[in-house]
């Protein structure tokens, strides 16, 4: 069964930069704007899900596929938290942008990959 949900994006963000970081797509030619993931939900680790994430403006749209019953509201919340951690949307992107702009070394790095956020953000 397929469900949809989304995650709000704060600050500069580019899903393509995140997907190409090294654990997602392996080369830029294969990235079609969708980052696909499969994992077990936090908690009991009994529910497996597939997620297709696509950036739509200031939101990350998620198409979720789970076998059997639809995910509950609690499971969807857990899923959003997990995806946010994986794609570096789990903290305030505006604050990160301000830090990068204020530091000359970070500003130079940040300018090379606008919208990129470090792993374990």
PDB file of N, CA and C in Angstrom:
ATOM      1  N   UNK A   1       0.835  -1.174   0.000  1.00  0.00           N
ATOM      2  CA  UNK A   1       0.000   0.000   0.000  1.00  0.00           C
ATOM      3  C   UNK A   1       0.881   1.239   0.000  1.00  0.00           C
ATOM      4  N   UNK A   2       0.514   2.227  -0.782  1.00  0.00           N
ATOM      5  CA  UNK A   2       1.276   3.459  -0.906  1.00  0.00           C
ATOM      6  C   UNK A   2       0.601   4.587  -0.130  1.00  0.00           C
ATOM      7  N   UNK A   3       1.403   5.375   0.586  1.00  0.00           N
ATOM      8  CA  UNK A   3       0.929   6.532   1.329  1.00  0.00           C
ATOM      9  C   UNK A   3       1.864   7.692   1.017  1.00  0.00           C
ATOM     10  N   UNK A   4       1.414   8.908   1.279  1.00  0.00           N
ATOM     11  CA  UNK A   4       2.269  10.069   1.089  1.00  0.00           C
ATOM     12  C   UNK A   4       2.304  10.892   2.371  1.00  0.00           C
ATOM     13  N   UNK A   5       3.411  11.568   2.563  1.00  0.00           N
ATOM     14  CA  UNK A   5       3.603  12.492   3.668  1.00  0.00           C
ATOM     15  C   UNK A   5       4.725  13.438   3.249  1.00  0.00           C
ATOM     16  N   UNK A   6       5.084  14.375   4.094  1.00  0.00           N
ATOM     17  CA  UNK A   6       6.152  15.295   3.720  1.00  0.00           C
ATOM     18  C   UNK A   6       6.877  15.819   4.950  1.00  0.00           C
ATOM     19  N   UNK A   7       8.030  16.422   4.684  1.00  0.00           N
ATOM     20  CA  UNK A   7       8.868  17.032   5.721  1.00  0.00           C
ATOM     21  C   UNK A   7       9.140  18.468   5.282  1.00  0.00           C
ATOM     22  N   UNK A   8       8.985  19.417   6.205  1.00  0.00           N
ATOM     23  CA  UNK A   8       9.289  20.818   5.905  1.00  0.00           C
ATOM     24  C   UNK A   8      10.798  21.011   5.803  1.00  0.00           C
ATOM     25  N   UNK A   9      11.205  21.867   4.884  1.00  0.00           N
ATOM     26  CA  UNK A   9      12.615  22.211   4.696  1.00  0.00           C
ATOM     27  C   UNK A   9      12.822  23.641   5.167  1.00  0.00           C
ATOM     28  N   UNK A  10      13.814  23.846   6.043  1.00  0.00           N
ATOM     29  CA  UNK A  10      14.181  25.201   6.442  1.00  0.00           C
ATOM     30  C   UNK A  10      15.588  25.490   5.934  1.00  0.00           C
ATOM     31  N   UNK A  11      15.783  26.686   5.443  1.00  0.00           N
ATOM     32  CA  UNK A  11      17.104  27.082   4.958  1.00  0.00           C
ATOM     33  C   UNK A  11      17.407  26.508   3.594  1.00  0.00           C
ATOM     34  N   UNK A  12      18.547  26.921   3.025  1.00  0.00           N
ATOM     35  CA  UNK A  12      18.960  26.402   1.718  1.00  0.00           C
ATOM     36  C   UNK A  12      19.115  24.880   1.766  1.00  0.00           C
ATOM     37  N   UNK A  13      18.597  24.209   0.742  1.00  0.00           N
ATOM     38  CA  UNK A  13      18.629  22.752   0.736  1.00  0.00           C
ATOM     39  C   UNK A  13      18.537  22.266  -0.703  1.00  0.00           C
ATOM     40  N   UNK A  14      19.272  21.209  -1.001  1.00  0.00           N
ATOM     41  CA  UNK A  14      19.228  20.603  -2.324  1.00  0.00           C
ATOM     42  C   UNK A  14      19.319  19.090  -2.158  1.00  0.00           C
ATOM     43  N   UNK A  15      18.210  18.406  -2.383  1.00  0.00           N
ATOM     44  CA  UNK A  15      18.189  16.952  -2.236  1.00  0.00           C
ATOM     45  C   UNK A  15      19.232  16.292  -3.138  1.00  0.00           C
ATOM     46  N   UNK A  16      19.468  16.851  -4.310  1.00  0.00           N
ATOM     47  CA  UNK A  16      20.481  16.295  -5.212  1.00  0.00           C
ATOM     48  C   UNK A  16      21.858  16.276  -4.578  1.00  0.00           C
ATOM     49  N   UNK A  17      22.216  17.348  -3.884  1.00  0.00           N
ATOM     50  CA  UNK A  17      23.508  17.402  -3.192  1.00  0.00           C
ATOM     51  C   UNK A  17      23.588  16.319  -2.114  1.00  0.00           C
ATOM     52  N   UNK A  18      22.502  16.108  -1.409  1.00  0.00           N
ATOM     53  CA  UNK A  18      22.469  15.098  -0.339  1.00  0.00           C
ATOM     54  C   UNK A  18      22.557  13.696  -0.947  1.00  0.00           C
ATOM     55  N   UNK A  19      21.780  13.456  -1.984  1.00  0.00           N
ATOM     56  CA  UNK A  19      21.756  12.132  -2.610  1.00  0.00           C
ATOM     57  C   UNK A  19      23.112  11.747  -3.185  1.00  0.00           C
ATOM     58  N   UNK A  20      23.862  12.734  -3.649  1.00  0.00           N
ATOM     59  CA  UNK A  20      25.153  12.454  -4.270  1.00  0.00           C
ATOM     60  C   UNK A  20      26.293  12.405  -3.251  1.00  0.00           C
ATOM     61  N   UNK A  21      25.971  12.530  -1.979  1.00  0.00           N
ATOM     62  CA  UNK A  21      26.982  12.603  -0.926  1.00  0.00           C
ATOM     63  C   UNK A  21      27.821  11.339  -0.815  1.00  0.00           C
ATOM     64  N   UNK A  22      27.337  10.220  -1.263  1.00  0.00           N
ATOM     65  CA  UNK A  22      28.158   9.022  -1.188  1.00  0.00           C
ATOM     66  C   UNK A  22      27.415   7.789  -0.721  1.00  0.00           C
ATOM     67  N   UNK A  23      26.262   7.963  -0.076  1.00  0.00           N
ATOM     68  CA  UNK A  23      25.515   6.784   0.337  1.00  0.00           C
ATOM     69  C   UNK A  23      24.242   6.632  -0.479  1.00  0.00           C
ATOM     70  N   UNK A  24      23.975   7.588  -1.328  1.00  0.00           N
ATOM     71  CA  UNK A  24      22.792   7.529  -2.174  1.00  0.00           C
ATOM     72  C   UNK A  24      23.180   7.058  -3.552  1.00  0.00           C
ATOM     73  N   UNK A  25      22.873   7.841  -4.559  1.00  0.00           N
ATOM     74  CA  UNK A  25      23.224   7.515  -5.936  1.00  0.00           C
ATOM     75  C   UNK A  25      24.737   7.602  -6.103  1.00  0.00           C
ATOM     76  N   UNK A  26      25.270   6.807  -6.969  1.00  0.00           N
ATOM     77  CA  UNK A  26      26.716   6.733  -7.108  1.00  0.00           C
ATOM     78  C   UNK A  26      27.277   7.683  -8.152  1.00  0.00           C
ATOM     79  N   UNK A  27      26.449   8.143  -9.066  1.00  0.00           N
ATOM     80  CA  UNK A  27      26.949   9.130 -10.027  1.00  0.00           C
ATOM     81  C   UNK A  27      25.807  10.071 -10.387  1.00  0.00           C
ATOM     82  N   UNK A  28      26.165  11.285 -10.707  1.00  0.00           N
ATOM     83  CA  UNK A  28      25.148  12.313 -10.923  1.00  0.00           C
ATOM     84  C   UNK A  28      24.241  12.016 -12.107  1.00  0.00           C
ATOM     85  N   UNK A  29      24.689  11.222 -13.053  1.00  0.00           N
ATOM     86  CA  UNK A  29      23.862  10.903 -14.212  1.00  0.00           C
ATOM     87  C   UNK A  29      22.706   9.980 -13.856  1.00  0.00           C
ATOM     88  N   UNK A  30      22.822   9.249 -12.759  1.00  0.00           N
ATOM     89  CA  UNK A  30      21.753   8.320 -12.385  1.00  0.00           C
ATOM     90  C   UNK A  30      20.699   8.980 -11.499  1.00  0.00           C
ATOM     91  N   UNK A  31      20.977  10.180 -10.981  1.00  0.00           N
ATOM     92  CA  UNK A  31      20.018  10.829 -10.090  1.00  0.00           C
ATOM     93  C   UNK A  31      18.908  11.481 -10.914  1.00  0.00           C
ATOM     94  N   UNK A  32      17.696  11.004 -10.719  1.00  0.00           N
ATOM     95  CA  UNK A  32      16.550  11.496 -11.481  1.00  0.00           C
ATOM     96  C   UNK A  32      15.656  12.430 -10.661  1.00  0.00           C
ATOM     97  N   UNK A  33      16.189  12.951  -9.544  1.00  0.00           N
ATOM     98  CA  UNK A  33      15.410  13.843  -8.696  1.00  0.00           C
ATOM     99  C   UNK A  33      14.699  13.129  -7.564  1.00  0.00           C
ATOM    100  N   UNK A  34      14.818  11.809  -7.526  1.00  0.00           N
ATOM    101  CA  UNK A  34      14.170  11.015  -6.485  1.00  0.00           C
ATOM    102  C   UNK A  34      15.235  10.218  -5.741  1.00  0.00           C
ATOM    103  N   UNK A  35      15.236  10.333  -4.424  1.00  0.00           N
ATOM    104  CA  UNK A  35      16.136   9.514  -3.607  1.00  0.00           C
ATOM    105  C   UNK A  35      15.300   8.373  -3.032  1.00  0.00           C
ATOM    106  N   UNK A  36      15.705   7.160  -3.347  1.00  0.00           N
ATOM    107  CA  UNK A  36      14.960   5.970  -2.926  1.00  0.00           C
ATOM    108  C   UNK A  36      15.694   5.288  -1.780  1.00  0.00           C
ATOM    109  N   UNK A  37      14.918   4.901  -0.772  1.00  0.00           N
ATOM    110  CA  UNK A  37      15.478   4.262   0.416  1.00  0.00           C
ATOM    111  C   UNK A  37      14.576   3.102   0.841  1.00  0.00           C
ATOM    112  N   UNK A  38      15.145   2.146   1.534  1.00  0.00           N
ATOM    113  CA  UNK A  38      14.377   1.063   2.146  1.00  0.00           C
ATOM    114  C   UNK A  38      14.995   0.804   3.513  1.00  0.00           C
ATOM    115  N   UNK A  39      14.154   0.644   4.518  1.00  0.00           N
ATOM    116  CA  UNK A  39      14.653   0.428   5.871  1.00  0.00           C
ATOM    117  C   UNK A  39      13.543  -0.103   6.767  1.00  0.00           C
ATOM    118  N   UNK A  40      13.930  -0.524   7.956  1.00  0.00           N
ATOM    119  CA  UNK A  40      12.967  -0.930   8.989  1.00  0.00           C
ATOM    120  C   UNK A  40      12.670   0.292   9.846  1.00  0.00           C
ATOM    121  N   UNK A  41      11.419   0.446  10.216  1.00  0.00           N
ATOM    122  CA  UNK A  41      11.043   1.570  11.078  1.00  0.00           C
ATOM    123  C   UNK A  41      11.676   1.416  12.453  1.00  0.00           C
ATOM    124  N   UNK A  42      12.098   2.536  13.021  1.00  0.00           N
ATOM    125  CA  UNK A  42      12.610   2.542  14.397  1.00  0.00           C
ATOM    126  C   UNK A  42      11.572   1.929  15.331  1.00  0.00           C
ATOM    127  N   UNK A  43      12.031   1.397  16.418  1.00  0.00           N
ATOM    128  CA  UNK A  43      11.129   0.804  17.413  1.00  0.00           C
ATOM    129  C   UNK A  43      11.267  -0.690  17.401  1.00  0.00           C
ATOM    130  N   UNK A  44      10.248  -1.362  16.911  1.00  0.00           N
ATOM    131  CA  UNK A  44      10.269  -2.825  16.904  1.00  0.00           C
ATOM    132  C   UNK A  44      11.094  -3.375  15.746  1.00  0.00           C
ATOM    133  N   UNK A  45      11.341  -2.547  14.738  1.00  0.00           N
ATOM    134  CA  UNK A  45      12.079  -2.946  13.533  1.00  0.00           C
ATOM    135  C   UNK A  45      11.384  -4.078  12.781  1.00  0.00           C
ATOM    136  N   UNK A  46      10.087  -4.210  13.000  1.00  0.00           N
ATOM    137  CA  UNK A  46       9.304  -5.253  12.342  1.00  0.00           C
ATOM    138  C   UNK A  46       8.663  -4.770  11.047  1.00  0.00           C
ATOM    139  N   UNK A  47       8.512  -3.447  10.875  1.00  0.00           N
ATOM    140  CA  UNK A  47       7.884  -2.908   9.664  1.00  0.00           C
ATOM    141  C   UNK A  47       8.959  -2.444   8.691  1.00  0.00           C
ATOM    142  N   UNK A  48       8.940  -3.016   7.503  1.00  0.00           N
ATOM    143  CA  UNK A  48       9.860  -2.580   6.464  1.00  0.00           C
ATOM    144  C   UNK A  48       9.104  -1.617   5.552  1.00  0.00           C
ATOM    145  N   UNK A  49       9.823  -0.579   5.109  1.00  0.00           N
ATOM    146  CA  UNK A  49       9.207   0.415   4.234  1.00  0.00           C
ATOM    147  C   UNK A  49      10.153   0.763   3.094  1.00  0.00           C
ATOM    148  N   UNK A  50       9.563   1.193   2.014  1.00  0.00           N
ATOM    149  CA  UNK A  50      10.297   1.787   0.907  1.00  0.00           C
ATOM    150  C   UNK A  50       9.850   3.231   0.809  1.00  0.00           C
ATOM    151  N   UNK A  51      10.786   4.134   0.576  1.00  0.00           N
ATOM    152  CA  UNK A  51      10.465   5.556   0.516  1.00  0.00           C
ATOM    153  C   UNK A  51      11.099   6.163  -0.722  1.00  0.00           C
ATOM    154  N   UNK A  52      10.316   6.934  -1.458  1.00  0.00           N
ATOM    155  CA  UNK A  52      10.819   7.728  -2.578  1.00  0.00           C
ATOM    156  C   UNK A  52      10.662   9.188  -2.167  1.00  0.00           C
ATOM    157  N   UNK A  53      11.797   9.896  -2.030  1.00  0.00           N
ATOM    158  CA  UNK A  53      11.789  11.292  -1.589  1.00  0.00           C
ATOM    159  C   UNK A  53      12.073  12.210  -2.772  1.00  0.00           C
ATOM    160  N   UNK A  54      11.257  13.255  -2.891  1.00  0.00           N
ATOM    161  CA  UNK A  54      11.409  14.225  -3.984  1.00  0.00           C
ATOM    162  C   UNK A  54      11.252  15.622  -3.390  1.00  0.00           C
ATOM    163  N   UNK A  55      12.177  16.517  -3.725  1.00  0.00           N
ATOM    164  CA  UNK A  55      12.085  17.887  -3.231  1.00  0.00           C
ATOM    165  C   UNK A  55      11.061  18.656  -4.051  1.00  0.00           C
ATOM    166  N   UNK A  56      10.125  19.294  -3.341  1.00  0.00           N
ATOM    167  CA  UNK A  56       9.106  20.127  -3.977  1.00  0.00           C
ATOM    168  C   UNK A  56       9.100  21.466  -3.248  1.00  0.00           C
ATOM    169  N   UNK A  57       9.945  22.385  -3.703  1.00  0.00           N
ATOM    170  CA  UNK A  57      10.045  23.699  -3.058  1.00  0.00           C
ATOM    171  C   UNK A  57      10.586  23.564  -1.645  1.00  0.00           C
ATOM    172  N   UNK A  58       9.817  24.032  -0.677  1.00  0.00           N
ATOM    173  CA  UNK A  58      10.266  24.003   0.720  1.00  0.00           C
ATOM    174  C   UNK A  58       9.757  22.778   1.480  1.00  0.00           C
ATOM    175  N   UNK A  59       9.441  21.706   0.743  1.00  0.00           N
ATOM    176  CA  UNK A  59       9.000  20.455   1.353  1.00  0.00           C
ATOM    177  C   UNK A  59       9.702  19.284   0.679  1.00  0.00           C
ATOM    178  N   UNK A  60       9.892  18.239   1.441  1.00  0.00           N
ATOM    179  CA  UNK A  60      10.379  16.984   0.892  1.00  0.00           C
ATOM    180  C   UNK A  60       9.171  16.055   0.860  1.00  0.00           C
ATOM    181  N   UNK A  61       8.694  15.760  -0.340  1.00  0.00           N
ATOM    182  CA  UNK A  61       7.533  14.883  -0.510  1.00  0.00           C
ATOM    183  C   UNK A  61       7.996  13.439  -0.432  1.00  0.00           C
ATOM    184  N   UNK A  62       7.289  12.645   0.345  1.00  0.00           N
ATOM    185  CA  UNK A  62       7.650  11.246   0.547  1.00  0.00           C
ATOM    186  C   UNK A  62       6.527  10.341   0.071  1.00  0.00           C
ATOM    187  N   UNK A  63       6.857   9.421  -0.810  1.00  0.00           N
ATOM    188  CA  UNK A  63       5.927   8.359  -1.174  1.00  0.00           C
ATOM    189  C   UNK A  63       6.404   7.118  -0.443  1.00  0.00           C
ATOM    190  N   UNK A  64       5.527   6.555   0.357  1.00  0.00           N
ATOM    191  CA  UNK A  64       5.886   5.461   1.252  1.00  0.00           C
ATOM    192  C   UNK A  64       5.145   4.192   0.838  1.00  0.00           C
ATOM    193  N   UNK A  65       5.876   3.098   0.742  1.00  0.00           N
ATOM    194  CA  UNK A  65       5.267   1.804   0.432  1.00  0.00           C
ATOM    195  C   UNK A  65       5.579   0.862   1.584  1.00  0.00           C
ATOM    196  N   UNK A  66       4.527   0.276   2.129  1.00  0.00           N
ATOM    197  CA  UNK A  66       4.674  -0.715   3.200  1.00  0.00           C
ATOM    198  C   UNK A  66       3.766  -1.900   2.879  1.00  0.00           C
ATOM    199  N   UNK A  67       4.255  -3.055   3.170  1.00  0.00           N
ATOM    200  CA  UNK A  67       3.461  -4.249   2.938  1.00  0.00           C
ATOM    201  C   UNK A  67       2.388  -4.360   4.019  1.00  0.00           C
ATOM    202  N   UNK A  68       1.238  -4.859   3.635  1.00  0.00           N
ATOM    203  CA  UNK A  68       0.174  -5.085   4.620  1.00  0.00           C
ATOM    204  C   UNK A  68      -0.616  -3.819   4.917  1.00  0.00           C
ATOM    205  N   UNK A  69      -0.923  -3.637   6.167  1.00  0.00           N
ATOM    206  CA  UNK A  69      -1.741  -2.508   6.611  1.00  0.00           C
ATOM    207  C   UNK A  69      -1.029  -1.181   6.384  1.00  0.00           C
ATOM    208  N   UNK A  70      -1.792  -0.107   6.144  1.00  0.00           N
ATOM    209  CA  UNK A  70      -1.168   1.218   6.038  1.00  0.00           C
ATOM    210  C   UNK A  70      -0.457   1.572   7.338  1.00  0.00           C
ATOM    211  N   UNK A  71       0.540   2.429   7.236  1.00  0.00           N
ATOM    212  CA  UNK A  71       1.236   2.878   8.434  1.00  0.00           C
ATOM    213  C   UNK A  71       0.281   3.706   9.287  1.00  0.00           C
ATOM    214  N   UNK A  72       0.406   3.561  10.575  1.00  0.00           N
ATOM    215  CA  UNK A  72      -0.390   4.368  11.498  1.00  0.00           C
ATOM    216  C   UNK A  72       0.193   5.779  11.549  1.00  0.00           C
ATOM    217  N   UNK A  73      -0.523   6.698  12.165  1.00  0.00           N
ATOM    218  CA  UNK A  73      -0.026   8.072  12.327  1.00  0.00           C
ATOM    219  C   UNK A  73       1.296   8.063  13.087  1.00  0.00           C
ATOM    220  N   UNK A  74       1.411   7.214  14.101  1.00  0.00           N
ATOM    221  CA  UNK A  74       2.652   7.115  14.885  1.00  0.00           C
ATOM    222  C   UNK A  74       3.799   6.580  14.027  1.00  0.00           C
ATOM    223  N   UNK A  75       3.515   5.581  13.204  1.00  0.00           N
ATOM    224  CA  UNK A  75       4.548   5.031  12.321  1.00  0.00           C
ATOM    225  C   UNK A  75       4.973   6.052  11.259  1.00  0.00           C
ATOM    226  N   UNK A  76       4.017   6.808  10.722  1.00  0.00           N
ATOM    227  CA  UNK A  76       4.373   7.849   9.752  1.00  0.00           C
ATOM    228  C   UNK A  76       5.240   8.924  10.394  1.00  0.00           C
ATOM    229  N   UNK A  77       4.952   9.266  11.643  1.00  0.00           N
ATOM    230  CA  UNK A  77       5.770  10.240  12.364  1.00  0.00           C
ATOM    231  C   UNK A  77       7.195   9.714  12.535  1.00  0.00           C
ATOM    232  N   UNK A  78       7.314   8.447  12.928  1.00  0.00           N
ATOM    233  CA  UNK A  78       8.619   7.812  13.083  1.00  0.00           C
ATOM    234  C   UNK A  78       9.364   7.794  11.748  1.00  0.00           C
ATOM    235  N   UNK A  79       8.650   7.468  10.680  1.00  0.00           N
ATOM    236  CA  UNK A  79       9.250   7.439   9.352  1.00  0.00           C
ATOM    237  C   UNK A  79       9.788   8.816   8.975  1.00  0.00           C
ATOM    238  N   UNK A  80       9.004   9.869   9.197  1.00  0.00           N
ATOM    239  CA  UNK A  80       9.476  11.226   8.869  1.00  0.00           C
ATOM    240  C   UNK A  80      10.738  11.565   9.648  1.00  0.00           C
ATOM    241  N   UNK A  81      10.788  11.193  10.929  1.00  0.00           N
ATOM    242  CA  UNK A  81      11.985  11.451  11.744  1.00  0.00           C
ATOM    243  C   UNK A  81      13.193  10.705  11.186  1.00  0.00           C
ATOM    244  N   UNK A  82      13.003   9.447  10.780  1.00  0.00           N
ATOM    245  CA  UNK A  82      14.118   8.673  10.228  1.00  0.00           C
ATOM    246  C   UNK A  82      14.615   9.268   8.923  1.00  0.00           C
ATOM    247  N   UNK A  83      13.703   9.587   8.031  1.00  0.00           N
ATOM    248  CA  UNK A  83      14.104  10.159   6.750  1.00  0.00           C
ATOM    249  C   UNK A  83      14.795  11.503   6.982  1.00  0.00           C
ATOM    250  N   UNK A  84      14.263  12.314   7.894  1.00  0.00           N
ATOM    251  CA  UNK A  84      14.878  13.620   8.188  1.00  0.00           C
ATOM    252  C   UNK A  84      16.326  13.445   8.636  1.00  0.00           C
ATOM    253  N   UNK A  85      16.606  12.433   9.450  1.00  0.00           N
ATOM    254  CA  UNK A  85      17.988  12.174   9.875  1.00  0.00           C
ATOM    255  C   UNK A  85      18.859  11.790   8.691  1.00  0.00           C
ATOM    256  N   UNK A  86      18.354  10.940   7.833  1.00  0.00           N
ATOM    257  CA  UNK A  86      19.143  10.442   6.696  1.00  0.00           C
ATOM    258  C   UNK A  86      19.475  11.562   5.719  1.00  0.00           C
ATOM    259  N   UNK A  87      18.522  12.464   5.470  1.00  0.00           N
ATOM    260  CA  UNK A  87      18.715  13.495   4.447  1.00  0.00           C
ATOM    261  C   UNK A  87      19.032  14.868   5.051  1.00  0.00           C
ATOM    262  N   UNK A  88      19.474  14.884   6.289  1.00  0.00           N
ATOM    263  CA  UNK A  88      19.940  16.107   6.962  1.00  0.00           C
ATOM    264  C   UNK A  88      18.877  17.205   7.047  1.00  0.00           C
ATOM    265  N   UNK A  89      17.654  16.805   7.369  1.00  0.00           N
ATOM    266  CA  UNK A  89      16.586  17.772   7.602  1.00  0.00           C
ATOM    267  C   UNK A  89      16.129  17.752   9.062  1.00  0.00           C
ATOM    268  N   UNK A  90      16.945  17.198   9.928  1.00  0.00           N
ATOM    269  CA  UNK A  90      16.544  17.030  11.321  1.00  0.00           C
ATOM    270  C   UNK A  90      16.933  18.203  12.218  1.00  0.00           C
ATOM    271  N   UNK A  91      17.534  19.239  11.637  1.00  0.00           N
ATOM    272  CA  UNK A  91      17.893  20.431  12.411  1.00  0.00           C
ATOM    273  C   UNK A  91      17.605  21.675  11.578  1.00  0.00           C
ATOM    274  N   UNK A  92      17.713  22.813  12.205  1.00  0.00           N
ATOM    275  CA  UNK A  92      17.385  24.093  11.581  1.00  0.00           C
ATOM    276  C   UNK A  92      18.395  24.464  10.500  1.00  0.00           C
ATOM    277  N   UNK A  93      17.972  24.413   9.258  1.00  0.00           N
ATOM    278  CA  UNK A  93      18.852  24.749   8.141  1.00  0.00           C
ATOM    279  C   UNK A  93      19.175  26.226   8.054  1.00  0.00           C
ATOM    280  N   UNK A  94      18.277  27.079   8.553  1.00  0.00           N
ATOM    281  CA  UNK A  94      18.565  28.518   8.557  1.00  0.00           C
ATOM    282  C   UNK A  94      19.745  28.817   9.466  1.00  0.00           C
ATOM    283  N   UNK A  95      19.795  28.171  10.630  1.00  0.00           N
ATOM    284  CA  UNK A  95      20.906  28.382  11.571  1.00  0.00           C
ATOM    285  C   UNK A  95      22.223  27.910  10.948  1.00  0.00           C
ATOM    286  N   UNK A  96      22.207  26.771  10.271  1.00  0.00           N
ATOM    287  CA  UNK A  96      23.410  26.263   9.605  1.00  0.00           C
ATOM    288  C   UNK A  96      23.875  27.249   8.538  1.00  0.00           C
ATOM    289  N   UNK A  97      22.946  27.782   7.766  1.00  0.00           N
ATOM    290  CA  UNK A  97      23.285  28.752   6.730  1.00  0.00           C
ATOM    291  C   UNK A  97      23.929  30.000   7.330  1.00  0.00           C
ATOM    292  N   UNK A  98      23.413  30.490   8.447  1.00  0.00           N
ATOM    293  CA  UNK A  98      23.988  31.672   9.102  1.00  0.00           C
ATOM    294  C   UNK A  98      25.413  31.401   9.575  1.00  0.00           C
ATOM    295  N   UNK A  99      25.651  30.215  10.144  1.00  0.00           N
ATOM    296  CA  UNK A  99      26.996  29.850  10.592  1.00  0.00           C
ATOM    297  C   UNK A  99      27.953  29.817   9.395  1.00  0.00           C
ATOM    298  N   UNK A 100      27.515  29.202   8.312  1.00  0.00           N
ATOM    299  CA  UNK A 100      28.367  29.109   7.114  1.00  0.00           C
ATOM    300  C   UNK A 100      28.685  30.476   6.536  1.00  0.00           C
ATOM    301  N   UNK A 101      27.728  31.347   6.495  1.00  0.00           N
ATOM    302  CA  UNK A 101      27.942  32.686   5.934  1.00  0.00           C
ATOM    303  C   UNK A 101      28.874  33.521   6.817  1.00  0.00           C
ATOM    304  N   UNK A 102      28.863  33.271   8.120  1.00  0.00           N
ATOM    305  CA  UNK A 102      29.660  34.065   9.061  1.00  0.00           C
ATOM    306  C   UNK A 102      31.124  33.651   9.108  1.00  0.00           C
ATOM    307  N   UNK A 103      31.436  32.445   8.681  1.00  0.00           N
ATOM    308  CA  UNK A 103      32.805  31.932   8.745  1.00  0.00           C
ATOM    309  C   UNK A 103      33.397  31.893   7.346  1.00  0.00           C
ATOM    310  N   UNK A 104      34.524  32.571   7.106  1.00  0.00           N
ATOM    311  CA  UNK A 104      35.077  32.628   5.751  1.00  0.00           C
ATOM    312  C   UNK A 104      35.445  31.263   5.166  1.00  0.00           C
ATOM    313  N   UNK A 105      35.933  30.359   5.976  1.00  0.00           N
ATOM    314  CA  UNK A 105      36.294  29.021   5.469  1.00  0.00           C
ATOM    315  C   UNK A 105      35.027  28.250   5.097  1.00  0.00           C
ATOM    316  N   UNK A 106      34.060  28.229   5.999  1.00  0.00           N
ATOM    317  CA  UNK A 106      32.803  27.532   5.708  1.00  0.00           C
ATOM    318  C   UNK A 106      32.063  28.180   4.544  1.00  0.00           C
ATOM    319  N   UNK A 107      32.122  29.498   4.455  1.00  0.00           N
ATOM    320  CA  UNK A 107      31.427  30.198   3.371  1.00  0.00           C
ATOM    321  C   UNK A 107      31.947  29.742   2.005  1.00  0.00           C
ATOM    322  N   UNK A 108      33.253  29.554   1.889  1.00  0.00           N
ATOM    323  CA  UNK A 108      33.838  29.105   0.622  1.00  0.00           C
ATOM    324  C   UNK A 108      33.375  27.684   0.281  1.00  0.00           C
ATOM    325  N   UNK A 109      33.352  26.821   1.268  1.00  0.00           N
ATOM    326  CA  UNK A 109      32.896  25.436   1.051  1.00  0.00           C
ATOM    327  C   UNK A 109      31.407  25.423   0.724  1.00  0.00           C
ATOM    328  N   UNK A 110      30.647  26.175   1.477  1.00  0.00           N
ATOM    329  CA  UNK A 110      29.196  26.253   1.314  1.00  0.00           C
ATOM    330  C   UNK A 110      28.840  26.774  -0.087  1.00  0.00           C
ATOM    331  N   UNK A 111      29.627  27.696  -0.613  1.00  0.00           N
ATOM    332  CA  UNK A 111      29.360  28.265  -1.933  1.00  0.00           C
ATOM    333  C   UNK A 111      29.576  27.236  -3.053  1.00  0.00           C
ATOM    334  N   UNK A 112      30.440  26.256  -2.829  1.00  0.00           N
ATOM    335  CA  UNK A 112      30.707  25.225  -3.842  1.00  0.00           C
ATOM    336  C   UNK A 112      29.555  24.240  -3.987  1.00  0.00           C
ATOM    337  N   UNK A 113      28.805  24.043  -2.911  1.00  0.00           N
ATOM    338  CA  UNK A 113      27.687  23.090  -2.943  1.00  0.00           C
ATOM    339  C   UNK A 113      26.493  23.697  -2.215  1.00  0.00           C
ATOM    340  N   UNK A 114      25.871  24.705  -2.814  1.00  0.00           N
ATOM    341  CA  UNK A 114      24.734  25.342  -2.150  1.00  0.00           C
ATOM    342  C   UNK A 114      23.623  24.320  -1.900  1.00  0.00           C
ATOM    343  N   UNK A 115      23.075  24.355  -0.731  1.00  0.00           N
ATOM    344  CA  UNK A 115      22.017  23.417  -0.388  1.00  0.00           C
ATOM    345  C   UNK A 115      22.507  22.122   0.225  1.00  0.00           C
ATOM    346  N   UNK A 116      23.818  21.914   0.244  1.00  0.00           N
ATOM    347  CA  UNK A 116      24.374  20.709   0.847  1.00  0.00           C
ATOM    348  C   UNK A 116      24.393  20.865   2.364  1.00  0.00           C
ATOM    349  N   UNK A 117      24.168  19.784   3.063  1.00  0.00           N
ATOM    350  CA  UNK A 117      24.310  19.744   4.510  1.00  0.00           C
ATOM    351  C   UNK A 117      25.134  18.511   4.856  1.00  0.00           C
ATOM    352  N   UNK A 118      25.956  18.629   5.883  1.00  0.00           N
ATOM    353  CA  UNK A 118      26.818  17.492   6.227  1.00  0.00           C
ATOM    354  C   UNK A 118      26.023  16.301   6.752  1.00  0.00           C
ATOM    355  N   UNK A 119      26.610  15.122   6.598  1.00  0.00           N
ATOM    356  CA  UNK A 119      26.004  13.916   7.187  1.00  0.00           C
ATOM    357  C   UNK A 119      25.974  14.089   8.694  1.00  0.00           C
ATOM    358  N   UNK A 120      25.008  13.482   9.333  1.00  0.00           N
ATOM    359  CA  UNK A 120      24.808  13.583  10.776  1.00  0.00           C
ATOM    360  C   UNK A 120      24.645  15.036  11.194  1.00  0.00           C
ATOM    361  N   UNK A 121      23.928  15.780  10.378  1.00  0.00           N
ATOM    362  CA  UNK A 121      23.669  17.199  10.538  1.00  0.00           C
ATOM    363  C   UNK A 121      23.155  17.478  11.925  1.00  0.00           C
TER     364      UNK A 121
END
